[in-house]
Amino acid sequence: MPRPLKVSPERILAAAVIEFSARGFAGARVDRIARRARANKAMLYYHFGSKQALYRALLLNIFTAAAARLRPIAESSSPPEQKIEDLVAAIAGFIDEHEHFPAIMLREIAEGGAHLDRGTLAAMAALPAIVGRVVVEGADKGTIRRVHPVMAYFTIMAPIVLYLGGAPIRKAMAAHKLVNLSEVTSDVFVRHMQATARLSLVNAAPSKARS
């Protein structure tokens, strides 16, 4: 019996992200992922064991990489209000680089997180924890409103995921000349989100730090 062609896990994950973003977990097919990765299903199962394990590994990789991008900002010596702006830019940049991420997350939200295990959820939870650290630091210094850290996280994350995930719809509307998006660049969007974060999270007149 011929041995399966050796294919790296990274190549399989790169193929899987396209399949899961296009069809969701239920609609994704292992054979299509294998073909896109130029592998056979035996190699896919060798690396990941099952479609569910592959899906969870994909999300784990994404959220671990996102946390690695955000953590240095939270740990920097910048003022908390500057960290908030830097986090906005970093989150938008990361999602823009991982173009299939919004579709996967929106599909998972629609399905109630049915395919997430504790390890995947823990990796996801690292992101609001990082944002929350900055919010608590700023609240203690009087420069950030004392809001629940998770609410602060979703104030930043939710609009970015929805906006970037809606790119195909925006392009279709623009192509039909239904809306003028000629001046809406990535930089404009990031600046808008930074301004929104300032309005909702940053104190206009900082109070004294808590003693």
N, C-alpha and C. Protein backbone atom coordinates (compact mmCIF):
# COMPACT_ATOMS: atom_id res chain seq x y z
N MET A 1 0.85 -1.20 0.00
CA MET A 1 0.00 0.00 0.00
C MET A 1 0.89 1.25 0.00
N PRO A 2 0.64 2.21 -0.92
CA PRO A 2 1.51 3.39 -0.97
C PRO A 2 1.34 4.25 0.27
N ARG A 3 2.44 4.84 0.72
CA ARG A 3 2.40 5.71 1.89
C ARG A 3 1.84 7.07 1.49
N PRO A 4 1.06 7.74 2.37
CA PRO A 4 0.50 9.04 2.05
C PRO A 4 1.58 10.08 1.78
N LEU A 5 1.31 10.95 0.82
CA LEU A 5 2.24 12.03 0.52
C LEU A 5 2.37 12.94 1.74
N LYS A 6 3.61 13.24 2.12
CA LYS A 6 3.82 14.08 3.29
C LYS A 6 3.44 15.52 2.97
N VAL A 7 2.58 16.07 3.80
CA VAL A 7 2.11 17.46 3.65
C VAL A 7 2.14 18.08 5.04
N SER A 8 2.62 19.31 5.12
CA SER A 8 2.75 19.96 6.43
C SER A 8 1.38 20.31 7.00
N PRO A 9 1.26 20.32 8.33
CA PRO A 9 0.00 20.77 8.95
C PRO A 9 -0.36 22.19 8.53
N GLU A 10 0.66 23.04 8.33
CA GLU A 10 0.39 24.44 7.96
C GLU A 10 -0.32 24.52 6.61
N ARG A 11 0.07 23.66 5.67
CA ARG A 11 -0.57 23.69 4.36
C ARG A 11 -2.02 23.21 4.45
N ILE A 12 -2.24 22.23 5.29
CA ILE A 12 -3.61 21.76 5.49
C ILE A 12 -4.46 22.84 6.15
N LEU A 13 -3.90 23.54 7.14
CA LEU A 13 -4.64 24.63 7.81
C LEU A 13 -4.95 25.75 6.83
N ALA A 14 -4.01 26.07 5.94
CA ALA A 14 -4.24 27.13 4.95
C ALA A 14 -5.38 26.75 4.01
N ALA A 15 -5.49 25.48 3.67
CA ALA A 15 -6.60 25.03 2.84
C ALA A 15 -7.90 24.99 3.63
N ALA A 16 -7.81 24.59 4.90
CA ALA A 16 -9.00 24.46 5.73
C ALA A 16 -9.67 25.81 5.99
N VAL A 17 -8.89 26.85 6.17
CA VAL A 17 -9.49 28.16 6.49
C VAL A 17 -10.36 28.65 5.35
N ILE A 18 -9.99 28.34 4.12
CA ILE A 18 -10.81 28.74 2.97
C ILE A 18 -12.11 27.95 2.95
N GLU A 19 -12.02 26.66 3.19
CA GLU A 19 -13.21 25.80 3.17
C GLU A 19 -14.17 26.15 4.30
N PHE A 20 -13.66 26.32 5.51
CA PHE A 20 -14.54 26.63 6.65
C PHE A 20 -15.16 28.01 6.52
N SER A 21 -14.42 28.97 5.99
CA SER A 21 -14.98 30.32 5.85
C SER A 21 -16.07 30.36 4.79
N ALA A 22 -15.93 29.54 3.76
CA ALA A 22 -16.90 29.53 2.67
C ALA A 22 -18.16 28.74 3.01
N ARG A 23 -18.02 27.67 3.80
CA ARG A 23 -19.14 26.76 4.00
C ARG A 23 -19.51 26.50 5.45
N GLY A 24 -18.75 27.05 6.39
CA GLY A 24 -19.01 26.77 7.79
C GLY A 24 -18.58 25.37 8.16
N PHE A 25 -18.71 25.05 9.45
CA PHE A 25 -18.25 23.73 9.89
C PHE A 25 -19.07 22.61 9.27
N ALA A 26 -20.40 22.74 9.31
CA ALA A 26 -21.26 21.66 8.83
C ALA A 26 -21.08 21.42 7.33
N GLY A 27 -20.93 22.50 6.56
CA GLY A 27 -20.84 22.35 5.11
C GLY A 27 -19.45 22.01 4.60
N ALA A 28 -18.43 22.19 5.44
CA ALA A 28 -17.06 21.92 5.00
C ALA A 28 -16.86 20.42 4.78
N ARG A 29 -16.05 20.10 3.78
CA ARG A 29 -15.78 18.70 3.46
C ARG A 29 -14.28 18.44 3.49
N VAL A 30 -13.93 17.34 4.16
CA VAL A 30 -12.53 16.97 4.30
C VAL A 30 -11.89 16.72 2.94
N ASP A 31 -12.64 16.12 2.01
CA ASP A 31 -12.05 15.82 0.71
C ASP A 31 -11.70 17.09 -0.06
N ARG A 32 -12.53 18.13 0.09
CA ARG A 32 -12.20 19.40 -0.58
C ARG A 32 -10.98 20.05 0.04
N ILE A 33 -10.88 19.98 1.37
CA ILE A 33 -9.70 20.53 2.04
C ILE A 33 -8.45 19.79 1.58
N ALA A 34 -8.54 18.48 1.52
CA ALA A 34 -7.39 17.67 1.10
C ALA A 34 -6.98 18.01 -0.33
N ARG A 35 -7.94 18.16 -1.22
CA ARG A 35 -7.61 18.50 -2.61
C ARG A 35 -6.94 19.86 -2.69
N ARG A 36 -7.46 20.82 -1.95
CA ARG A 36 -6.87 22.16 -1.98
C ARG A 36 -5.45 22.15 -1.41
N ALA A 37 -5.22 21.30 -0.42
CA ALA A 37 -3.89 21.19 0.18
C ALA A 37 -2.97 20.29 -0.65
N ARG A 38 -3.50 19.70 -1.73
CA ARG A 38 -2.75 18.77 -2.58
C ARG A 38 -2.23 17.60 -1.73
N ALA A 39 -3.17 17.06 -0.97
CA ALA A 39 -2.87 15.94 -0.09
C ALA A 39 -4.01 14.93 -0.21
N ASN A 40 -3.91 13.86 0.52
CA ASN A 40 -5.04 12.94 0.60
C ASN A 40 -5.60 12.98 2.02
N LYS A 41 -6.79 12.42 2.16
CA LYS A 41 -7.46 12.51 3.46
C LYS A 41 -6.69 11.78 4.55
N ALA A 42 -5.95 10.75 4.16
CA ALA A 42 -5.17 10.02 5.17
C ALA A 42 -4.16 10.93 5.85
N MET A 43 -3.52 11.82 5.07
CA MET A 43 -2.55 12.74 5.65
C MET A 43 -3.24 13.75 6.56
N LEU A 44 -4.41 14.21 6.14
CA LEU A 44 -5.17 15.16 6.98
C LEU A 44 -5.52 14.51 8.32
N TYR A 45 -6.03 13.29 8.26
CA TYR A 45 -6.39 12.60 9.51
C TYR A 45 -5.15 12.26 10.33
N TYR A 46 -4.04 12.04 9.65
CA TYR A 46 -2.79 11.75 10.37
C TYR A 46 -2.40 12.94 11.25
N HIS A 47 -2.53 14.15 10.69
CA HIS A 47 -2.12 15.34 11.44
C HIS A 47 -3.17 15.78 12.46
N PHE A 48 -4.45 15.64 12.13
CA PHE A 48 -5.48 16.27 12.96
C PHE A 48 -6.52 15.31 13.53
N GLY A 49 -6.64 14.13 12.98
CA GLY A 49 -7.54 13.14 13.56
C GLY A 49 -8.98 13.20 13.10
N SER A 50 -9.53 14.41 12.95
CA SER A 50 -10.93 14.55 12.54
C SER A 50 -11.16 15.96 12.01
N LYS A 51 -12.30 16.14 11.36
CA LYS A 51 -12.66 17.48 10.88
C LYS A 51 -12.82 18.44 12.05
N GLN A 52 -13.43 17.96 13.13
CA GLN A 52 -13.63 18.82 14.30
C GLN A 52 -12.30 19.25 14.90
N ALA A 53 -11.36 18.32 15.01
CA ALA A 53 -10.05 18.65 15.57
C ALA A 53 -9.31 19.63 14.67
N LEU A 54 -9.46 19.48 13.35
CA LEU A 54 -8.84 20.41 12.40
C LEU A 54 -9.42 21.80 12.58
N TYR A 55 -10.73 21.88 12.70
CA TYR A 55 -11.40 23.17 12.87
C TYR A 55 -10.94 23.86 14.15
N ARG A 56 -10.88 23.09 15.23
CA ARG A 56 -10.46 23.68 16.50
C ARG A 56 -8.99 24.10 16.46
N ALA A 57 -8.16 23.31 15.80
CA ALA A 57 -6.75 23.68 15.66
C ALA A 57 -6.61 24.97 14.87
N LEU A 58 -7.44 25.14 13.86
CA LEU A 58 -7.42 26.35 13.06
C LEU A 58 -7.75 27.57 13.90
N LEU A 59 -8.83 27.49 14.67
CA LEU A 59 -9.22 28.61 15.53
C LEU A 59 -8.17 28.86 16.61
N LEU A 60 -7.64 27.80 17.17
CA LEU A 60 -6.61 27.95 18.20
C LEU A 60 -5.40 28.70 17.65
N ASN A 61 -4.98 28.34 16.44
CA ASN A 61 -3.85 29.03 15.81
C ASN A 61 -4.14 30.51 15.60
N ILE A 62 -5.34 30.81 15.12
CA ILE A 62 -5.70 32.20 14.83
C ILE A 62 -5.70 33.04 16.10
N PHE A 63 -6.37 32.54 17.13
CA PHE A 63 -6.49 33.34 18.35
C PHE A 63 -5.17 33.42 19.12
N THR A 64 -4.36 32.38 19.03
CA THR A 64 -3.04 32.44 19.66
C THR A 64 -2.17 33.49 18.97
N ALA A 65 -2.24 33.53 17.64
CA ALA A 65 -1.48 34.53 16.89
C ALA A 65 -1.99 35.94 17.17
N ALA A 66 -3.32 36.09 17.29
CA ALA A 66 -3.89 37.40 17.59
C ALA A 66 -3.44 37.88 18.96
N ALA A 67 -3.44 37.00 19.95
CA ALA A 67 -3.00 37.38 21.29
C ALA A 67 -1.53 37.78 21.28
N ALA A 68 -0.72 37.07 20.50
CA ALA A 68 0.71 37.42 20.41
C ALA A 68 0.90 38.79 19.79
N ARG A 69 -0.01 39.20 18.91
CA ARG A 69 0.07 40.53 18.30
C ARG A 69 -0.34 41.62 19.30
N LEU A 70 -1.31 41.32 20.15
CA LEU A 70 -1.86 42.35 21.05
C LEU A 70 -1.09 42.48 22.37
N ARG A 71 -0.55 41.37 22.83
CA ARG A 71 0.04 41.37 24.18
C ARG A 71 1.17 42.40 24.34
N PRO A 72 2.08 42.56 23.38
CA PRO A 72 3.14 43.56 23.55
C PRO A 72 2.61 44.99 23.69
N ILE A 73 1.47 45.26 23.08
CA ILE A 73 0.86 46.59 23.22
C ILE A 73 0.41 46.81 24.65
N ALA A 74 -0.28 45.82 25.20
CA ALA A 74 -0.76 45.95 26.58
C ALA A 74 0.39 46.05 27.57
N GLU A 75 1.52 45.42 27.25
CA GLU A 75 2.66 45.40 28.16
C GLU A 75 3.62 46.56 27.94
N SER A 76 3.33 47.41 26.98
CA SER A 76 4.22 48.52 26.66
C SER A 76 4.11 49.62 27.72
N SER A 77 4.99 50.61 27.62
CA SER A 77 4.98 51.72 28.57
C SER A 77 4.12 52.89 28.10
N SER A 78 3.39 52.72 27.01
CA SER A 78 2.54 53.80 26.50
C SER A 78 1.40 54.08 27.47
N PRO A 79 0.85 55.29 27.46
CA PRO A 79 -0.33 55.58 28.29
C PRO A 79 -1.50 54.69 27.86
N PRO A 80 -2.38 54.34 28.79
CA PRO A 80 -3.49 53.43 28.46
C PRO A 80 -4.34 53.92 27.30
N GLU A 81 -4.59 55.23 27.21
CA GLU A 81 -5.42 55.73 26.11
C GLU A 81 -4.74 55.54 24.76
N GLN A 82 -3.40 55.61 24.74
CA GLN A 82 -2.67 55.33 23.50
C GLN A 82 -2.69 53.83 23.20
N LYS A 83 -2.63 53.04 24.25
CA LYS A 83 -2.71 51.59 24.05
C LYS A 83 -4.03 51.19 23.41
N ILE A 84 -5.12 51.86 23.82
CA ILE A 84 -6.43 51.56 23.23
C ILE A 84 -6.39 51.81 21.72
N GLU A 85 -5.84 52.93 21.31
CA GLU A 85 -5.75 53.23 19.88
C GLU A 85 -4.85 52.22 19.17
N ASP A 86 -3.76 51.84 19.81
CA ASP A 86 -2.85 50.87 19.21
C ASP A 86 -3.51 49.50 19.11
N LEU A 87 -4.31 49.14 20.09
CA LEU A 87 -5.03 47.87 20.04
C LEU A 87 -6.03 47.86 18.89
N VAL A 88 -6.73 48.96 18.71
CA VAL A 88 -7.68 49.07 17.58
C VAL A 88 -6.96 48.82 16.26
N ALA A 89 -5.84 49.51 16.07
CA ALA A 89 -5.08 49.37 14.83
C ALA A 89 -4.56 47.94 14.66
N ALA A 90 -4.09 47.34 15.76
CA ALA A 90 -3.54 45.99 15.69
C ALA A 90 -4.62 44.96 15.38
N ILE A 91 -5.79 45.09 16.01
CA ILE A 91 -6.88 44.16 15.75
C ILE A 91 -7.35 44.28 14.30
N ALA A 92 -7.54 45.51 13.83
CA ALA A 92 -7.97 45.71 12.44
C ALA A 92 -6.93 45.16 11.47
N GLY A 93 -5.66 45.42 11.76
CA GLY A 93 -4.60 44.92 10.89
C GLY A 93 -4.54 43.41 10.86
N PHE A 94 -4.69 42.78 12.02
CA PHE A 94 -4.64 41.32 12.09
C PHE A 94 -5.79 40.70 11.32
N ILE A 95 -7.00 41.22 11.51
CA ILE A 95 -8.15 40.65 10.82
C ILE A 95 -8.06 40.90 9.32
N ASP A 96 -7.54 42.06 8.93
CA ASP A 96 -7.36 42.35 7.51
C ASP A 96 -6.38 41.36 6.88
N GLU A 97 -5.34 40.99 7.62
CA GLU A 97 -4.37 40.02 7.11
C GLU A 97 -4.95 38.62 7.04
N HIS A 98 -5.87 38.31 7.94
CA HIS A 98 -6.51 36.99 7.97
C HIS A 98 -7.93 37.16 7.43
N GLU A 99 -8.04 37.31 6.13
CA GLU A 99 -9.28 37.73 5.50
C GLU A 99 -10.44 36.76 5.70
N HIS A 100 -10.15 35.50 5.99
CA HIS A 100 -11.22 34.52 6.16
C HIS A 100 -11.73 34.47 7.60
N PHE A 101 -11.05 35.14 8.51
CA PHE A 101 -11.40 35.08 9.92
C PHE A 101 -12.82 35.60 10.20
N PRO A 102 -13.22 36.77 9.66
CA PRO A 102 -14.57 37.26 9.99
C PRO A 102 -15.67 36.29 9.58
N ALA A 103 -15.55 35.68 8.38
CA ALA A 103 -16.59 34.76 7.92
C ALA A 103 -16.70 33.55 8.85
N ILE A 104 -15.56 33.02 9.27
CA ILE A 104 -15.57 31.87 10.18
C ILE A 104 -16.24 32.24 11.50
N MET A 105 -15.88 33.41 12.05
CA MET A 105 -16.43 33.81 13.33
C MET A 105 -17.92 34.11 13.24
N LEU A 106 -18.34 34.77 12.17
CA LEU A 106 -19.77 35.09 12.03
C LEU A 106 -20.59 33.81 11.88
N ARG A 107 -20.06 32.83 11.15
CA ARG A 107 -20.76 31.55 11.03
C ARG A 107 -20.83 30.84 12.38
N GLU A 108 -19.75 30.89 13.13
CA GLU A 108 -19.74 30.22 14.44
C GLU A 108 -20.70 30.91 15.40
N ILE A 109 -20.75 32.23 15.35
CA ILE A 109 -21.71 32.97 16.19
C ILE A 109 -23.13 32.56 15.84
N ALA A 110 -23.42 32.46 14.53
CA ALA A 110 -24.77 32.09 14.09
C ALA A 110 -25.15 30.69 14.57
N GLU A 111 -24.13 29.83 14.76
CA GLU A 111 -24.39 28.46 15.19
C GLU A 111 -24.23 28.30 16.70
N GLY A 112 -24.11 29.42 17.40
CA GLY A 112 -24.10 29.38 18.86
C GLY A 112 -22.84 28.81 19.48
N GLY A 113 -21.73 28.86 18.75
CA GLY A 113 -20.48 28.34 19.29
C GLY A 113 -20.50 26.84 19.52
N ALA A 114 -21.29 26.14 18.72
CA ALA A 114 -21.52 24.70 18.95
C ALA A 114 -20.27 23.85 18.77
N HIS A 115 -19.27 24.36 18.06
CA HIS A 115 -18.12 23.52 17.71
C HIS A 115 -16.86 23.90 18.50
N LEU A 116 -17.02 24.68 19.54
CA LEU A 116 -15.87 25.15 20.32
C LEU A 116 -15.71 24.32 21.58
N ASP A 117 -14.48 23.90 21.85
CA ASP A 117 -14.19 23.21 23.10
C ASP A 117 -13.53 24.17 24.08
N ARG A 118 -13.19 23.67 25.26
CA ARG A 118 -12.64 24.54 26.30
C ARG A 118 -11.32 25.17 25.86
N GLY A 119 -10.47 24.41 25.18
CA GLY A 119 -9.19 24.95 24.75
C GLY A 119 -9.34 26.09 23.77
N THR A 120 -10.27 25.92 22.83
CA THR A 120 -10.52 26.99 21.86
C THR A 120 -11.10 28.22 22.53
N LEU A 121 -12.03 28.00 23.43
CA LEU A 121 -12.64 29.12 24.16
C LEU A 121 -11.60 29.85 25.00
N ALA A 122 -10.67 29.11 25.60
CA ALA A 122 -9.62 29.75 26.40
C ALA A 122 -8.72 30.62 25.52
N ALA A 123 -8.42 30.15 24.32
CA ALA A 123 -7.62 30.96 23.40
C ALA A 123 -8.37 32.21 22.99
N MET A 124 -9.66 32.09 22.75
CA MET A 124 -10.48 33.26 22.40
C MET A 124 -10.54 34.24 23.57
N ALA A 125 -10.65 33.72 24.78
CA ALA A 125 -10.78 34.57 25.97
C ALA A 125 -9.53 35.38 26.24
N ALA A 126 -8.39 34.97 25.67
CA ALA A 126 -7.16 35.72 25.88
C ALA A 126 -7.27 37.14 25.33
N LEU A 127 -8.04 37.32 24.28
CA LEU A 127 -8.14 38.65 23.67
C LEU A 127 -8.87 39.65 24.56
N PRO A 128 -10.09 39.35 25.05
CA PRO A 128 -10.71 40.30 25.98
C PRO A 128 -9.90 40.49 27.25
N ALA A 129 -9.13 39.47 27.65
CA ALA A 129 -8.29 39.63 28.84
C ALA A 129 -7.20 40.66 28.60
N ILE A 130 -6.63 40.66 27.41
CA ILE A 130 -5.58 41.63 27.09
C ILE A 130 -6.15 43.05 27.04
N VAL A 131 -7.28 43.21 26.35
CA VAL A 131 -7.93 44.52 26.31
C VAL A 131 -8.34 44.94 27.72
N GLY A 132 -8.86 44.00 28.49
CA GLY A 132 -9.29 44.31 29.85
C GLY A 132 -8.15 44.79 30.73
N ARG A 133 -6.98 44.24 30.52
CA ARG A 133 -5.81 44.69 31.31
C ARG A 133 -5.55 46.17 31.08
N VAL A 134 -5.67 46.61 29.84
CA VAL A 134 -5.45 48.02 29.52
C VAL A 134 -6.55 48.89 30.12
N VAL A 135 -7.79 48.40 30.05
CA VAL A 135 -8.92 49.16 30.60
C VAL A 135 -8.77 49.33 32.11
N VAL A 136 -8.42 48.27 32.79
CA VAL A 136 -8.24 48.35 34.25
C VAL A 136 -7.09 49.29 34.60
N GLU A 137 -5.98 49.19 33.85
CA GLU A 137 -4.85 50.09 34.08
C GLU A 137 -5.27 51.54 33.91
N GLY A 138 -6.00 51.82 32.80
CA GLY A 138 -6.44 53.20 32.55
C GLY A 138 -7.45 53.68 33.57
N ALA A 139 -8.34 52.78 34.00
CA ALA A 139 -9.32 53.17 35.02
C ALA A 139 -8.64 53.52 36.33
N ASP A 140 -7.62 52.76 36.69
CA ASP A 140 -6.88 53.04 37.92
C ASP A 140 -6.14 54.38 37.82
N LYS A 141 -5.74 54.76 36.63
CA LYS A 141 -5.04 56.03 36.43
C LYS A 141 -6.01 57.18 36.15
N GLY A 142 -7.29 56.86 35.97
CA GLY A 142 -8.28 57.90 35.73
C GLY A 142 -8.40 58.35 34.29
N THR A 143 -7.75 57.68 33.37
CA THR A 143 -7.79 58.10 31.96
C THR A 143 -8.77 57.28 31.13
N ILE A 144 -9.20 56.13 31.65
CA ILE A 144 -10.15 55.27 30.96
C ILE A 144 -11.38 55.12 31.84
N ARG A 145 -12.55 55.17 31.24
CA ARG A 145 -13.77 54.97 32.01
C ARG A 145 -13.78 53.58 32.62
N ARG A 146 -14.35 53.49 33.79
CA ARG A 146 -14.38 52.20 34.49
C ARG A 146 -15.56 51.39 33.94
N VAL A 147 -15.31 50.70 32.85
CA VAL A 147 -16.32 49.86 32.23
C VAL A 147 -15.89 48.41 32.35
N HIS A 148 -16.83 47.51 32.13
CA HIS A 148 -16.48 46.09 32.19
C HIS A 148 -15.51 45.77 31.05
N PRO A 149 -14.41 45.11 31.35
CA PRO A 149 -13.41 44.84 30.31
C PRO A 149 -13.95 44.11 29.09
N VAL A 150 -14.90 43.18 29.30
CA VAL A 150 -15.46 42.45 28.15
C VAL A 150 -16.27 43.39 27.27
N MET A 151 -16.98 44.34 27.88
CA MET A 151 -17.74 45.30 27.09
C MET A 151 -16.80 46.18 26.27
N ALA A 152 -15.68 46.55 26.88
CA ALA A 152 -14.68 47.34 26.15
C ALA A 152 -14.15 46.57 24.95
N TYR A 153 -13.90 45.29 25.15
CA TYR A 153 -13.39 44.44 24.06
C TYR A 153 -14.37 44.39 22.90
N PHE A 154 -15.65 44.17 23.20
CA PHE A 154 -16.63 44.05 22.12
C PHE A 154 -16.92 45.40 21.46
N THR A 155 -16.72 46.48 22.21
CA THR A 155 -16.82 47.80 21.59
C THR A 155 -15.82 47.95 20.46
N ILE A 156 -14.67 47.33 20.63
CA ILE A 156 -13.61 47.40 19.61
C ILE A 156 -13.78 46.30 18.57
N MET A 157 -13.91 45.06 19.03
CA MET A 157 -13.84 43.91 18.13
C MET A 157 -15.06 43.76 17.22
N ALA A 158 -16.26 43.90 17.76
CA ALA A 158 -17.46 43.58 16.99
C ALA A 158 -17.59 44.41 15.71
N PRO A 159 -17.44 45.75 15.77
CA PRO A 159 -17.56 46.51 14.52
C PRO A 159 -16.48 46.16 13.49
N ILE A 160 -15.28 45.83 13.96
CA ILE A 160 -14.19 45.50 13.04
C ILE A 160 -14.51 44.20 12.30
N VAL A 161 -14.94 43.18 13.04
CA VAL A 161 -15.29 41.90 12.41
C VAL A 161 -16.43 42.09 11.42
N LEU A 162 -17.46 42.84 11.82
CA LEU A 162 -18.62 43.03 10.95
C LEU A 162 -18.24 43.83 9.70
N TYR A 163 -17.45 44.88 9.88
CA TYR A 163 -17.08 45.72 8.74
C TYR A 163 -16.20 44.95 7.75
N LEU A 164 -15.16 44.30 8.25
CA LEU A 164 -14.26 43.59 7.35
C LEU A 164 -14.92 42.35 6.78
N GLY A 165 -15.78 41.70 7.56
CA GLY A 165 -16.51 40.55 7.04
C GLY A 165 -17.51 40.92 5.96
N GLY A 166 -17.96 42.17 5.98
CA GLY A 166 -18.93 42.64 4.97
C GLY A 166 -18.31 43.21 3.72
N ALA A 167 -17.00 43.01 3.54
CA ALA A 167 -16.31 43.57 2.37
C ALA A 167 -16.96 43.18 1.05
N PRO A 168 -17.32 41.91 0.83
CA PRO A 168 -17.96 41.56 -0.45
C PRO A 168 -19.27 42.30 -0.70
N ILE A 169 -20.04 42.53 0.36
CA ILE A 169 -21.31 43.25 0.20
C ILE A 169 -21.05 44.71 -0.15
N ARG A 170 -20.07 45.32 0.54
CA ARG A 170 -19.73 46.72 0.23
C ARG A 170 -19.26 46.86 -1.21
N LYS A 171 -18.43 45.92 -1.66
CA LYS A 171 -17.94 45.98 -3.04
C LYS A 171 -19.07 45.84 -4.04
N ALA A 172 -20.04 44.97 -3.73
CA ALA A 172 -21.18 44.79 -4.63
C ALA A 172 -22.03 46.06 -4.68
N MET A 173 -22.27 46.69 -3.54
CA MET A 173 -23.04 47.94 -3.52
C MET A 173 -22.32 49.04 -4.29
N ALA A 174 -21.00 49.11 -4.12
CA ALA A 174 -20.22 50.11 -4.84
C ALA A 174 -20.25 49.85 -6.35
N ALA A 175 -20.17 48.57 -6.74
CA ALA A 175 -20.18 48.22 -8.16
C ALA A 175 -21.50 48.61 -8.81
N HIS A 176 -22.59 48.54 -8.07
CA HIS A 176 -23.90 48.93 -8.59
C HIS A 176 -24.18 50.42 -8.38
N LYS A 177 -23.15 51.13 -7.89
CA LYS A 177 -23.27 52.57 -7.65
C LYS A 177 -24.41 52.90 -6.69
N LEU A 178 -24.58 52.05 -5.69
CA LEU A 178 -25.61 52.27 -4.68
C LEU A 178 -25.07 53.06 -3.49
N VAL A 179 -23.74 53.06 -3.32
CA VAL A 179 -23.11 53.79 -2.24
C VAL A 179 -21.71 54.19 -2.70
N ASN A 180 -21.27 55.36 -2.29
CA ASN A 180 -19.95 55.85 -2.67
C ASN A 180 -18.95 55.49 -1.58
N LEU A 181 -18.05 54.57 -1.90
CA LEU A 181 -17.04 54.15 -0.94
C LEU A 181 -15.64 54.53 -1.39
N SER A 182 -15.55 55.47 -2.31
CA SER A 182 -14.24 55.80 -2.89
C SER A 182 -13.27 56.36 -1.87
N GLU A 183 -13.77 56.99 -0.81
CA GLU A 183 -12.89 57.59 0.18
C GLU A 183 -12.75 56.74 1.45
N VAL A 184 -13.40 55.59 1.46
CA VAL A 184 -13.35 54.73 2.65
C VAL A 184 -12.21 53.73 2.47
N THR A 185 -11.02 54.14 2.88
CA THR A 185 -9.85 53.28 2.82
C THR A 185 -9.67 52.57 4.16
N SER A 186 -8.73 51.64 4.21
CA SER A 186 -8.44 50.94 5.46
C SER A 186 -7.99 51.91 6.53
N ASP A 187 -7.17 52.90 6.14
CA ASP A 187 -6.69 53.89 7.12
C ASP A 187 -7.84 54.73 7.67
N VAL A 188 -8.77 55.10 6.80
CA VAL A 188 -9.93 55.87 7.24
C VAL A 188 -10.75 55.06 8.24
N PHE A 189 -10.94 53.79 7.94
CA PHE A 189 -11.72 52.94 8.84
C PHE A 189 -11.04 52.81 10.20
N VAL A 190 -9.74 52.60 10.20
CA VAL A 190 -9.01 52.46 11.47
C VAL A 190 -9.10 53.74 12.28
N ARG A 191 -8.92 54.88 11.63
CA ARG A 191 -9.02 56.16 12.36
C ARG A 191 -10.42 56.36 12.93
N HIS A 192 -11.43 55.96 12.17
CA HIS A 192 -12.80 56.07 12.67
C HIS A 192 -13.00 55.19 13.91
N MET A 193 -12.48 53.97 13.86
CA MET A 193 -12.62 53.07 15.00
C MET A 193 -11.83 53.58 16.21
N GLN A 194 -10.68 54.18 15.98
CA GLN A 194 -9.91 54.77 17.08
C GLN A 194 -10.68 55.92 17.72
N ALA A 195 -11.31 56.75 16.89
CA ALA A 195 -12.11 57.86 17.41
C ALA A 195 -13.31 57.33 18.20
N THR A 196 -13.93 56.27 17.69
CA THR A 196 -15.06 55.66 18.39
C THR A 196 -14.63 55.10 19.74
N ALA A 197 -13.48 54.45 19.77
CA ALA A 197 -12.96 53.91 21.03
C ALA A 197 -12.66 55.02 22.02
N ARG A 198 -12.09 56.12 21.52
CA ARG A 198 -11.82 57.26 22.42
C ARG A 198 -13.12 57.79 23.01
N LEU A 199 -14.13 57.96 22.18
CA LEU A 199 -15.39 58.52 22.66
C LEU A 199 -16.06 57.62 23.70
N SER A 200 -15.95 56.32 23.51
CA SER A 200 -16.66 55.40 24.40
C SER A 200 -15.85 54.98 25.62
N LEU A 201 -14.52 55.05 25.54
CA LEU A 201 -13.71 54.50 26.62
C LEU A 201 -12.82 55.51 27.34
N VAL A 202 -12.37 56.55 26.64
CA VAL A 202 -11.38 57.46 27.22
C VAL A 202 -12.09 58.62 27.90
N ASN A 203 -11.66 58.93 29.11
CA ASN A 203 -12.22 60.06 29.83
C ASN A 203 -11.84 61.37 29.17
N ALA A 204 -12.83 62.25 28.96
CA ALA A 204 -12.54 63.54 28.37
C ALA A 204 -11.69 64.38 29.31
N ALA A 205 -12.02 64.30 30.61
CA ALA A 205 -11.25 65.04 31.62
C ALA A 205 -10.76 64.02 32.64
N PRO A 206 -9.55 63.51 32.49
CA PRO A 206 -9.06 62.45 33.38
C PRO A 206 -9.16 62.83 34.85
N SER A 207 -9.64 61.87 35.64
CA SER A 207 -9.69 62.10 37.09
C SER A 207 -8.40 61.64 37.70
N LYS A 208 -8.24 61.91 38.98
CA LYS A 208 -7.01 61.51 39.66
C LYS A 208 -6.99 59.99 39.81
N ALA A 209 -5.78 59.45 39.77
CA ALA A 209 -5.60 58.00 39.92
C ALA A 209 -6.09 57.57 41.29
N ARG A 210 -6.58 56.35 41.36
CA ARG A 210 -7.03 55.80 42.62
C ARG A 210 -5.84 55.63 43.55
N SER A 211 -5.97 56.06 44.78
CA SER A 211 -4.89 55.93 45.75
C SER A 211 -4.85 54.53 46.33
